[in-house]
Amino acid sequence: MNECKSVGVRTFDSFKWVLLIMMISLFSFFSFGCGKQVETETTVPPSSPEECITAENQVFSYYEAVVGTQDGDESISYRLYKYTDSELVLVRTDSDTDDKVTTNYRIVPSSVLDDCLKLAKKYKMGKGKWIDGDGIVGGELSISFVKDGEVISVSSSHMPDNGMEAFHAVRKVLGEAWSQGK
């Protein structure tokens, strides 16, 4: 009887060691191998900018539309997506009165996002009068961005007196980035 018990304990101890070695191997494999990149000064970008154009990567958006006109509605939107440490993907979508929609993208410096966020801060987007302000007729403007992990959205349906100035300032930054993008 004692002989069986002794063999069972040795077998269990061996199993624990094998399990421990397997866990250490798996941890090492996933920590240091299996597609992990060695940290360098720059991050290796995805193989194409199109791969970055996902909802999870969107960091800023601007939308402008002329609505309720006799000839039909027109709109333009700019959306910024994370790409590399120093570059963003700027997507522009235009819709004309004939419902023709064109979408293109360009690579722009990450400083474009910084400029847009500075304007959001300057015009206090998402606070106070942006919630309770007056709207406009015949058009629609909106901006959304991520701040401290939260999505902030403002629109022309509720904006302060300087709201149009804020929208124009953001559009100017994005338009200039578009014209200079590659």
N, C-alpha and C. Protein backbone atom coordinates (compact mmCIF):
# COMPACT_ATOMS: atom_id res chain seq x y z
N MET A 1 0.81 -1.19 0.00
CA MET A 1 0.00 0.00 0.00
C MET A 1 0.87 1.26 0.00
N ASN A 2 1.86 1.30 0.85
CA ASN A 2 2.74 2.47 0.92
C ASN A 2 3.49 2.69 -0.39
N GLU A 3 3.82 1.55 -1.04
CA GLU A 3 4.54 1.65 -2.30
C GLU A 3 3.72 2.39 -3.36
N CYS A 4 2.42 2.12 -3.45
CA CYS A 4 1.53 2.79 -4.39
C CYS A 4 1.41 4.27 -4.08
N LYS A 5 1.28 4.55 -2.80
CA LYS A 5 1.13 5.95 -2.39
C LYS A 5 2.38 6.74 -2.76
N SER A 6 3.54 6.18 -2.56
CA SER A 6 4.79 6.84 -2.87
C SER A 6 4.92 7.10 -4.38
N VAL A 7 4.53 6.15 -5.21
CA VAL A 7 4.60 6.32 -6.65
C VAL A 7 3.63 7.41 -7.09
N GLY A 8 2.43 7.43 -6.50
CA GLY A 8 1.44 8.45 -6.84
C GLY A 8 1.94 9.85 -6.52
N VAL A 9 2.63 10.04 -5.41
CA VAL A 9 3.15 11.34 -5.04
C VAL A 9 4.24 11.76 -6.02
N ARG A 10 5.15 10.83 -6.39
CA ARG A 10 6.19 11.14 -7.34
C ARG A 10 5.59 11.53 -8.69
N THR A 11 4.56 10.84 -9.11
CA THR A 11 3.91 11.14 -10.38
C THR A 11 3.28 12.52 -10.33
N PHE A 12 2.64 12.85 -9.23
CA PHE A 12 2.02 14.17 -9.08
C PHE A 12 3.07 15.27 -9.07
N ASP A 13 4.20 15.04 -8.35
CA ASP A 13 5.29 16.02 -8.35
C ASP A 13 5.86 16.21 -9.74
N SER A 14 6.01 15.15 -10.51
CA SER A 14 6.51 15.24 -11.88
C SER A 14 5.54 16.03 -12.74
N PHE A 15 4.24 15.79 -12.57
CA PHE A 15 3.21 16.51 -13.32
C PHE A 15 3.29 18.01 -13.03
N LYS A 16 3.48 18.38 -11.74
CA LYS A 16 3.59 19.80 -11.38
C LYS A 16 4.79 20.44 -12.07
N TRP A 17 5.92 19.73 -12.12
CA TRP A 17 7.11 20.29 -12.77
C TRP A 17 6.90 20.46 -14.27
N VAL A 18 6.28 19.46 -14.89
CA VAL A 18 6.02 19.55 -16.33
C VAL A 18 5.06 20.71 -16.61
N LEU A 19 4.03 20.84 -15.79
CA LEU A 19 3.07 21.93 -15.95
C LEU A 19 3.76 23.29 -15.76
N LEU A 20 4.62 23.40 -14.77
CA LEU A 20 5.35 24.64 -14.52
C LEU A 20 6.25 24.98 -15.70
N ILE A 21 6.95 24.02 -16.24
CA ILE A 21 7.83 24.25 -17.39
C ILE A 21 7.02 24.67 -18.60
N MET A 22 5.85 24.06 -18.81
CA MET A 22 4.99 24.43 -19.94
C MET A 22 4.49 25.88 -19.77
N MET A 23 4.11 26.25 -18.57
CA MET A 23 3.61 27.61 -18.33
C MET A 23 4.72 28.63 -18.57
N ILE A 24 5.92 28.35 -18.11
CA ILE A 24 7.04 29.26 -18.31
C ILE A 24 7.36 29.37 -19.80
N SER A 25 7.31 28.26 -20.53
CA SER A 25 7.57 28.27 -21.96
C SER A 25 6.54 29.10 -22.70
N LEU A 26 5.26 28.91 -22.36
CA LEU A 26 4.20 29.68 -23.00
C LEU A 26 4.33 31.16 -22.70
N PHE A 27 4.61 31.49 -21.45
CA PHE A 27 4.79 32.89 -21.08
C PHE A 27 5.94 33.51 -21.87
N SER A 28 7.05 32.80 -21.95
CA SER A 28 8.21 33.31 -22.70
C SER A 28 7.89 33.46 -24.18
N PHE A 29 7.17 32.49 -24.71
CA PHE A 29 6.81 32.52 -26.13
C PHE A 29 5.95 33.74 -26.44
N PHE A 30 4.93 34.00 -25.63
CA PHE A 30 4.04 35.11 -25.90
C PHE A 30 4.64 36.46 -25.51
N SER A 31 5.58 36.45 -24.58
CA SER A 31 6.21 37.71 -24.17
C SER A 31 7.33 38.14 -25.11
N PHE A 32 8.08 37.18 -25.61
CA PHE A 32 9.26 37.54 -26.39
C PHE A 32 9.21 37.08 -27.84
N GLY A 33 8.26 36.30 -28.19
CA GLY A 33 8.17 35.78 -29.55
C GLY A 33 6.76 35.97 -30.08
N CYS A 34 6.38 35.16 -31.01
CA CYS A 34 5.02 35.13 -31.54
C CYS A 34 4.55 36.49 -32.03
N GLY A 35 5.35 37.11 -32.89
CA GLY A 35 4.90 38.35 -33.51
C GLY A 35 5.20 39.60 -32.70
N LYS A 36 5.80 39.48 -31.54
CA LYS A 36 6.13 40.68 -30.77
C LYS A 36 7.26 41.41 -31.47
N GLN A 37 7.14 42.73 -31.56
CA GLN A 37 8.18 43.52 -32.19
C GLN A 37 9.17 43.99 -31.13
N VAL A 38 10.40 44.07 -31.52
CA VAL A 38 11.41 44.64 -30.65
C VAL A 38 11.19 46.14 -30.67
N GLU A 39 11.14 46.74 -29.50
CA GLU A 39 10.90 48.18 -29.42
C GLU A 39 12.06 48.93 -30.06
N THR A 40 11.73 49.80 -30.97
CA THR A 40 12.72 50.66 -31.60
C THR A 40 12.23 52.09 -31.48
N GLU A 41 12.94 53.00 -32.10
CA GLU A 41 12.55 54.40 -32.01
C GLU A 41 11.23 54.68 -32.70
N THR A 42 10.95 53.98 -33.78
CA THR A 42 9.69 54.19 -34.48
C THR A 42 8.92 52.87 -34.55
N THR A 43 7.63 52.98 -34.58
CA THR A 43 6.77 51.82 -34.69
C THR A 43 6.65 51.45 -36.17
N VAL A 44 6.69 50.17 -36.45
CA VAL A 44 6.54 49.71 -37.83
C VAL A 44 5.07 49.91 -38.21
N PRO A 45 4.80 50.66 -39.28
CA PRO A 45 3.40 50.92 -39.65
C PRO A 45 2.74 49.68 -40.24
N PRO A 46 1.43 49.64 -40.20
CA PRO A 46 0.74 48.55 -40.88
C PRO A 46 1.13 48.56 -42.36
N SER A 47 0.84 47.48 -43.04
CA SER A 47 1.28 47.38 -44.43
C SER A 47 0.61 48.41 -45.33
N SER A 48 -0.56 48.92 -44.95
CA SER A 48 -1.21 49.95 -45.76
C SER A 48 -2.04 50.87 -44.87
N PRO A 49 -2.22 52.10 -45.30
CA PRO A 49 -3.05 53.03 -44.52
C PRO A 49 -4.50 52.55 -44.42
N GLU A 50 -4.98 51.81 -45.41
CA GLU A 50 -6.37 51.33 -45.38
C GLU A 50 -6.64 50.47 -44.16
N GLU A 51 -5.62 49.75 -43.69
CA GLU A 51 -5.78 48.90 -42.51
C GLU A 51 -6.07 49.73 -41.25
N CYS A 52 -5.67 50.99 -41.25
CA CYS A 52 -5.86 51.85 -40.09
C CYS A 52 -7.24 52.49 -40.04
N ILE A 53 -7.95 52.45 -41.14
CA ILE A 53 -9.24 53.14 -41.22
C ILE A 53 -10.31 52.25 -40.60
N THR A 54 -10.32 52.27 -39.27
CA THR A 54 -11.30 51.51 -38.49
C THR A 54 -11.85 52.42 -37.39
N ALA A 55 -12.99 52.06 -36.89
CA ALA A 55 -13.61 52.86 -35.82
C ALA A 55 -12.71 52.97 -34.59
N GLU A 56 -11.98 51.91 -34.29
CA GLU A 56 -11.10 51.92 -33.11
C GLU A 56 -9.95 52.91 -33.25
N ASN A 57 -9.53 53.18 -34.48
CA ASN A 57 -8.40 54.07 -34.73
C ASN A 57 -8.80 55.52 -34.97
N GLN A 58 -10.09 55.80 -35.11
CA GLN A 58 -10.52 57.18 -35.39
C GLN A 58 -10.31 58.03 -34.15
N VAL A 59 -9.66 59.18 -34.35
CA VAL A 59 -9.35 60.07 -33.22
C VAL A 59 -10.00 61.44 -33.35
N PHE A 60 -10.47 61.79 -34.55
CA PHE A 60 -11.09 63.11 -34.75
C PHE A 60 -11.94 63.05 -36.00
N SER A 61 -13.09 63.74 -35.97
CA SER A 61 -13.91 63.83 -37.18
C SER A 61 -14.58 65.19 -37.27
N TYR A 62 -14.78 65.62 -38.49
CA TYR A 62 -15.44 66.88 -38.81
C TYR A 62 -16.44 66.57 -39.92
N TYR A 63 -17.67 67.06 -39.75
CA TYR A 63 -18.71 66.83 -40.76
C TYR A 63 -19.44 68.14 -41.00
N GLU A 64 -19.68 68.44 -42.28
CA GLU A 64 -20.39 69.67 -42.66
C GLU A 64 -21.36 69.33 -43.78
N ALA A 65 -22.60 69.76 -43.65
CA ALA A 65 -23.59 69.51 -44.70
C ALA A 65 -24.48 70.72 -44.89
N VAL A 66 -24.84 70.96 -46.14
CA VAL A 66 -25.86 71.94 -46.49
C VAL A 66 -27.11 71.11 -46.71
N VAL A 67 -28.14 71.37 -45.93
CA VAL A 67 -29.34 70.53 -45.99
C VAL A 67 -30.58 71.36 -46.31
N GLY A 68 -31.58 70.68 -46.82
CA GLY A 68 -32.87 71.32 -47.08
C GLY A 68 -32.87 72.28 -48.24
N THR A 69 -31.97 72.11 -49.19
CA THR A 69 -31.96 72.99 -50.36
C THR A 69 -32.76 72.37 -51.49
N GLN A 70 -33.16 73.17 -52.42
CA GLN A 70 -33.96 72.72 -53.54
C GLN A 70 -33.18 71.76 -54.45
N ASP A 71 -31.89 72.01 -54.59
CA ASP A 71 -31.06 71.19 -55.47
C ASP A 71 -30.57 69.90 -54.83
N GLY A 72 -30.79 69.72 -53.55
CA GLY A 72 -30.30 68.53 -52.85
C GLY A 72 -29.24 68.91 -51.84
N ASP A 73 -28.84 67.93 -51.07
CA ASP A 73 -27.89 68.16 -50.00
C ASP A 73 -26.46 67.89 -50.46
N GLU A 74 -25.52 68.63 -49.88
CA GLU A 74 -24.10 68.44 -50.12
C GLU A 74 -23.42 68.26 -48.77
N SER A 75 -22.35 67.49 -48.74
CA SER A 75 -21.63 67.34 -47.48
C SER A 75 -20.15 67.08 -47.74
N ILE A 76 -19.38 67.33 -46.70
CA ILE A 76 -17.96 67.02 -46.70
C ILE A 76 -17.61 66.55 -45.30
N SER A 77 -16.76 65.57 -45.21
CA SER A 77 -16.30 65.14 -43.90
C SER A 77 -14.81 64.85 -43.96
N TYR A 78 -14.16 65.09 -42.84
CA TYR A 78 -12.76 64.76 -42.64
C TYR A 78 -12.70 63.88 -41.40
N ARG A 79 -11.94 62.79 -41.49
CA ARG A 79 -11.75 61.92 -40.34
C ARG A 79 -10.27 61.59 -40.20
N LEU A 80 -9.76 61.69 -39.00
CA LEU A 80 -8.36 61.38 -38.72
C LEU A 80 -8.27 60.02 -38.02
N TYR A 81 -7.32 59.20 -38.48
CA TYR A 81 -7.09 57.87 -37.91
C TYR A 81 -5.63 57.73 -37.52
N LYS A 82 -5.37 57.03 -36.42
CA LYS A 82 -4.00 56.74 -36.00
C LYS A 82 -3.33 55.88 -37.07
N TYR A 83 -2.08 56.18 -37.37
CA TYR A 83 -1.32 55.40 -38.34
C TYR A 83 0.05 55.01 -37.78
N THR A 84 0.95 55.97 -37.61
CA THR A 84 2.24 55.72 -36.98
C THR A 84 2.42 56.74 -35.87
N ASP A 85 3.58 56.72 -35.24
CA ASP A 85 3.86 57.70 -34.19
C ASP A 85 3.87 59.12 -34.71
N SER A 86 4.24 59.30 -35.98
CA SER A 86 4.39 60.65 -36.51
C SER A 86 3.39 60.98 -37.62
N GLU A 87 2.55 60.02 -38.01
CA GLU A 87 1.62 60.26 -39.11
C GLU A 87 0.22 59.75 -38.79
N LEU A 88 -0.75 60.40 -39.44
CA LEU A 88 -2.15 60.02 -39.35
C LEU A 88 -2.68 59.81 -40.76
N VAL A 89 -3.78 59.10 -40.85
CA VAL A 89 -4.48 58.97 -42.13
C VAL A 89 -5.66 59.94 -42.06
N LEU A 90 -5.73 60.85 -43.04
CA LEU A 90 -6.83 61.81 -43.13
C LEU A 90 -7.73 61.36 -44.28
N VAL A 91 -8.96 61.02 -43.95
CA VAL A 91 -9.93 60.57 -44.95
C VAL A 91 -10.90 61.71 -45.22
N ARG A 92 -11.11 61.98 -46.49
CA ARG A 92 -12.05 63.02 -46.89
C ARG A 92 -13.16 62.37 -47.73
N THR A 93 -14.41 62.67 -47.39
CA THR A 93 -15.55 62.17 -48.13
C THR A 93 -16.39 63.36 -48.57
N ASP A 94 -16.65 63.44 -49.87
CA ASP A 94 -17.47 64.50 -50.45
C ASP A 94 -18.73 63.87 -51.03
N SER A 95 -19.86 64.53 -50.79
CA SER A 95 -21.13 64.11 -51.38
C SER A 95 -21.73 65.33 -52.06
N ASP A 96 -22.09 65.19 -53.35
CA ASP A 96 -22.67 66.34 -54.05
C ASP A 96 -24.19 66.20 -54.17
N THR A 97 -24.80 67.18 -54.81
CA THR A 97 -26.27 67.22 -54.91
C THR A 97 -26.84 66.07 -55.73
N ASP A 98 -26.01 65.41 -56.53
CA ASP A 98 -26.46 64.26 -57.31
C ASP A 98 -26.24 62.94 -56.57
N ASP A 99 -25.95 63.03 -55.28
CA ASP A 99 -25.67 61.86 -54.43
C ASP A 99 -24.42 61.10 -54.86
N LYS A 100 -23.52 61.77 -55.58
CA LYS A 100 -22.24 61.16 -55.92
C LYS A 100 -21.31 61.32 -54.72
N VAL A 101 -20.78 60.22 -54.24
CA VAL A 101 -19.92 60.24 -53.07
C VAL A 101 -18.52 59.81 -53.47
N THR A 102 -17.53 60.60 -53.09
CA THR A 102 -16.13 60.25 -53.33
C THR A 102 -15.39 60.26 -52.00
N THR A 103 -14.57 59.26 -51.82
CA THR A 103 -13.78 59.14 -50.60
C THR A 103 -12.33 58.89 -50.99
N ASN A 104 -11.44 59.66 -50.40
CA ASN A 104 -10.00 59.52 -50.62
C ASN A 104 -9.29 59.71 -49.29
N TYR A 105 -8.03 59.35 -49.25
CA TYR A 105 -7.24 59.58 -48.04
C TYR A 105 -5.86 60.08 -48.39
N ARG A 106 -5.25 60.71 -47.39
CA ARG A 106 -3.87 61.19 -47.50
C ARG A 106 -3.19 60.97 -46.15
N ILE A 107 -1.89 60.88 -46.20
CA ILE A 107 -1.09 60.77 -44.98
C ILE A 107 -0.69 62.17 -44.56
N VAL A 108 -0.93 62.49 -43.29
CA VAL A 108 -0.62 63.83 -42.76
C VAL A 108 0.17 63.68 -41.47
N PRO A 109 0.89 64.73 -41.07
CA PRO A 109 1.64 64.66 -39.81
C PRO A 109 0.70 64.60 -38.60
N SER A 110 1.16 63.97 -37.55
CA SER A 110 0.33 63.85 -36.34
C SER A 110 0.06 65.19 -35.68
N SER A 111 0.82 66.21 -36.05
CA SER A 111 0.59 67.55 -35.49
C SER A 111 -0.78 68.10 -35.89
N VAL A 112 -1.39 67.56 -36.95
CA VAL A 112 -2.72 68.00 -37.36
C VAL A 112 -3.73 67.72 -36.24
N LEU A 113 -3.62 66.54 -35.62
CA LEU A 113 -4.51 66.22 -34.50
C LEU A 113 -4.26 67.17 -33.34
N ASP A 114 -3.01 67.46 -33.06
CA ASP A 114 -2.69 68.40 -31.98
C ASP A 114 -3.33 69.76 -32.24
N ASP A 115 -3.26 70.24 -33.48
CA ASP A 115 -3.86 71.53 -33.83
C ASP A 115 -5.37 71.50 -33.65
N CYS A 116 -6.00 70.41 -34.06
CA CYS A 116 -7.46 70.30 -33.90
C CYS A 116 -7.85 70.25 -32.44
N LEU A 117 -7.09 69.51 -31.63
CA LEU A 117 -7.41 69.42 -30.20
C LEU A 117 -7.17 70.74 -29.48
N LYS A 118 -6.18 71.51 -29.93
CA LYS A 118 -5.97 72.85 -29.36
C LYS A 118 -7.18 73.74 -29.63
N LEU A 119 -7.75 73.63 -30.84
CA LEU A 119 -8.95 74.41 -31.15
C LEU A 119 -10.15 73.94 -30.32
N ALA A 120 -10.26 72.63 -30.13
CA ALA A 120 -11.35 72.10 -29.30
C ALA A 120 -11.25 72.65 -27.88
N LYS A 121 -10.03 72.75 -27.39
CA LYS A 121 -9.81 73.30 -26.04
C LYS A 121 -10.08 74.81 -26.03
N LYS A 122 -9.57 75.51 -27.04
CA LYS A 122 -9.75 76.96 -27.12
C LYS A 122 -11.23 77.33 -27.12
N TYR A 123 -12.03 76.60 -27.89
CA TYR A 123 -13.45 76.91 -28.02
C TYR A 123 -14.33 76.14 -27.01
N LYS A 124 -13.67 75.45 -26.08
CA LYS A 124 -14.36 74.74 -24.99
C LYS A 124 -15.46 73.82 -25.52
N MET A 125 -15.09 73.04 -26.55
CA MET A 125 -16.07 72.13 -27.15
C MET A 125 -16.48 71.05 -26.15
N GLY A 126 -17.76 70.81 -26.11
CA GLY A 126 -18.30 69.79 -25.22
C GLY A 126 -18.67 70.31 -23.85
N LYS A 127 -18.57 71.59 -23.63
CA LYS A 127 -18.87 72.16 -22.32
C LYS A 127 -19.91 73.26 -22.44
N GLY A 128 -20.62 73.50 -21.39
CA GLY A 128 -21.51 74.64 -21.23
C GLY A 128 -22.41 74.96 -22.41
N LYS A 129 -22.10 76.06 -23.10
CA LYS A 129 -22.96 76.56 -24.16
C LYS A 129 -23.02 75.64 -25.37
N TRP A 130 -22.06 74.72 -25.51
CA TRP A 130 -22.13 73.76 -26.61
C TRP A 130 -23.29 72.80 -26.39
N ILE A 131 -23.74 72.70 -25.19
CA ILE A 131 -24.86 71.81 -24.88
C ILE A 131 -26.18 72.59 -24.94
N ASP A 132 -26.17 73.82 -24.47
CA ASP A 132 -27.40 74.60 -24.36
C ASP A 132 -27.53 75.72 -25.39
N GLY A 133 -26.58 75.85 -26.30
CA GLY A 133 -26.59 76.97 -27.24
C GLY A 133 -27.63 76.83 -28.33
N ASP A 134 -27.69 77.86 -29.16
CA ASP A 134 -28.64 77.88 -30.28
C ASP A 134 -28.07 77.14 -31.48
N GLY A 135 -28.94 76.78 -32.40
CA GLY A 135 -28.52 76.07 -33.60
C GLY A 135 -28.59 76.95 -34.83
N ILE A 136 -28.31 76.36 -35.99
CA ILE A 136 -28.38 77.07 -37.26
C ILE A 136 -29.42 76.38 -38.14
N VAL A 137 -29.87 77.09 -39.16
CA VAL A 137 -30.85 76.55 -40.09
C VAL A 137 -30.17 76.37 -41.45
N GLY A 138 -30.51 75.30 -42.15
CA GLY A 138 -30.00 75.08 -43.50
C GLY A 138 -28.65 74.39 -43.56
N GLY A 139 -28.12 74.04 -42.44
CA GLY A 139 -26.82 73.38 -42.43
C GLY A 139 -26.65 72.54 -41.18
N GLU A 140 -25.66 71.70 -41.24
CA GLU A 140 -25.35 70.85 -40.10
C GLU A 140 -23.85 70.72 -40.03
N LEU A 141 -23.31 70.95 -38.85
CA LEU A 141 -21.87 70.82 -38.61
C LEU A 141 -21.70 69.99 -37.35
N SER A 142 -20.71 69.13 -37.34
CA SER A 142 -20.43 68.38 -36.12
C SER A 142 -18.95 68.02 -36.06
N ILE A 143 -18.49 67.89 -34.85
CA ILE A 143 -17.11 67.51 -34.57
C ILE A 143 -17.15 66.48 -33.45
N SER A 144 -16.34 65.45 -33.57
CA SER A 144 -16.19 64.51 -32.46
C SER A 144 -14.71 64.14 -32.35
N PHE A 145 -14.31 63.89 -31.12
CA PHE A 145 -12.91 63.55 -30.86
C PHE A 145 -12.83 62.79 -29.56
N VAL A 146 -11.71 62.15 -29.35
CA VAL A 146 -11.49 61.38 -28.13
C VAL A 146 -10.64 62.22 -27.18
N LYS A 147 -11.15 62.35 -25.96
CA LYS A 147 -10.41 63.09 -24.93
C LYS A 147 -10.44 62.27 -23.66
N ASP A 148 -9.27 61.90 -23.16
CA ASP A 148 -9.15 61.09 -21.95
C ASP A 148 -9.99 59.82 -22.03
N GLY A 149 -10.00 59.19 -23.20
CA GLY A 149 -10.73 57.95 -23.39
C GLY A 149 -12.23 58.10 -23.61
N GLU A 150 -12.71 59.33 -23.60
CA GLU A 150 -14.14 59.59 -23.78
C GLU A 150 -14.36 60.29 -25.12
N VAL A 151 -15.43 59.93 -25.82
CA VAL A 151 -15.75 60.58 -27.09
C VAL A 151 -16.56 61.83 -26.79
N ILE A 152 -16.07 62.96 -27.28
CA ILE A 152 -16.73 64.26 -27.12
C ILE A 152 -17.32 64.63 -28.47
N SER A 153 -18.59 65.00 -28.50
CA SER A 153 -19.24 65.41 -29.75
C SER A 153 -19.93 66.75 -29.55
N VAL A 154 -19.77 67.62 -30.54
CA VAL A 154 -20.47 68.90 -30.55
C VAL A 154 -21.10 69.08 -31.92
N SER A 155 -22.17 69.83 -31.98
CA SER A 155 -22.82 70.05 -33.28
C SER A 155 -23.38 71.46 -33.36
N SER A 156 -23.75 71.82 -34.57
CA SER A 156 -24.30 73.15 -34.80
C SER A 156 -25.74 73.25 -34.32
N SER A 157 -26.33 72.16 -33.89
CA SER A 157 -27.71 72.25 -33.38
C SER A 157 -27.74 72.87 -31.98
N HIS A 158 -26.62 72.84 -31.28
CA HIS A 158 -26.49 73.48 -29.97
C HIS A 158 -25.08 74.03 -29.88
N MET A 159 -24.94 75.33 -30.11
CA MET A 159 -23.58 75.89 -30.07
C MET A 159 -23.61 77.32 -29.54
N PRO A 160 -22.48 77.77 -29.02
CA PRO A 160 -22.39 79.14 -28.51
C PRO A 160 -22.29 80.14 -29.67
N ASP A 161 -22.25 81.41 -29.33
CA ASP A 161 -22.17 82.47 -30.35
C ASP A 161 -20.95 82.33 -31.25
N ASN A 162 -19.83 81.88 -30.70
CA ASN A 162 -18.61 81.73 -31.51
C ASN A 162 -18.48 80.32 -32.10
N GLY A 163 -19.56 79.57 -32.14
CA GLY A 163 -19.52 78.20 -32.65
C GLY A 163 -19.12 78.10 -34.10
N MET A 164 -19.66 79.00 -34.95
CA MET A 164 -19.30 78.97 -36.37
C MET A 164 -17.81 79.26 -36.55
N GLU A 165 -17.29 80.16 -35.75
CA GLU A 165 -15.86 80.47 -35.79
C GLU A 165 -15.04 79.23 -35.46
N ALA A 166 -15.49 78.46 -34.48
CA ALA A 166 -14.80 77.23 -34.08
C ALA A 166 -14.81 76.21 -35.21
N PHE A 167 -15.99 76.00 -35.82
CA PHE A 167 -16.08 75.04 -36.92
C PHE A 167 -15.20 75.46 -38.10
N HIS A 168 -15.22 76.73 -38.43
CA HIS A 168 -14.40 77.22 -39.54
C HIS A 168 -12.90 77.06 -39.26
N ALA A 169 -12.50 77.27 -38.01
CA ALA A 169 -11.09 77.13 -37.65
C ALA A 169 -10.64 75.67 -37.81
N VAL A 170 -11.48 74.74 -37.39
CA VAL A 170 -11.14 73.32 -37.52
C VAL A 170 -11.10 72.92 -39.00
N ARG A 171 -12.10 73.39 -39.75
CA ARG A 171 -12.12 73.05 -41.18
C ARG A 171 -10.89 73.61 -41.89
N LYS A 172 -10.44 74.77 -41.50
CA LYS A 172 -9.25 75.36 -42.12
C LYS A 172 -8.02 74.49 -41.86
N VAL A 173 -7.86 74.03 -40.63
CA VAL A 173 -6.71 73.16 -40.30
C VAL A 173 -6.77 71.88 -41.12
N LEU A 174 -7.94 71.26 -41.18
CA LEU A 174 -8.07 69.99 -41.90
C LEU A 174 -7.93 70.19 -43.41
N GLY A 175 -8.48 71.29 -43.93
CA GLY A 175 -8.34 71.58 -45.36
C GLY A 175 -6.90 71.81 -45.77
N GLU A 176 -6.15 72.55 -44.94
CA GLU A 176 -4.74 72.78 -45.23
C GLU A 176 -3.94 71.47 -45.15
N ALA A 177 -4.28 70.65 -44.16
CA ALA A 177 -3.59 69.35 -44.04
C ALA A 177 -3.88 68.50 -45.27
N TRP A 178 -5.12 68.55 -45.73
CA TRP A 178 -5.50 67.78 -46.93
C TRP A 178 -4.70 68.21 -48.14
N SER A 179 -4.57 69.51 -48.31
CA SER A 179 -3.86 70.02 -49.50
C SER A 179 -2.36 69.75 -49.43
N GLN A 180 -1.82 69.60 -48.23
CA GLN A 180 -0.38 69.35 -48.08
C GLN A 180 -0.05 67.87 -47.87
N GLY A 181 -1.08 67.04 -47.67
CA GLY A 181 -0.87 65.62 -47.42
C GLY A 181 -0.28 64.89 -48.60
N LYS A 182 0.19 63.70 -48.33
CA LYS A 182 0.79 62.90 -49.42
C LYS A 182 -0.01 61.64 -49.67
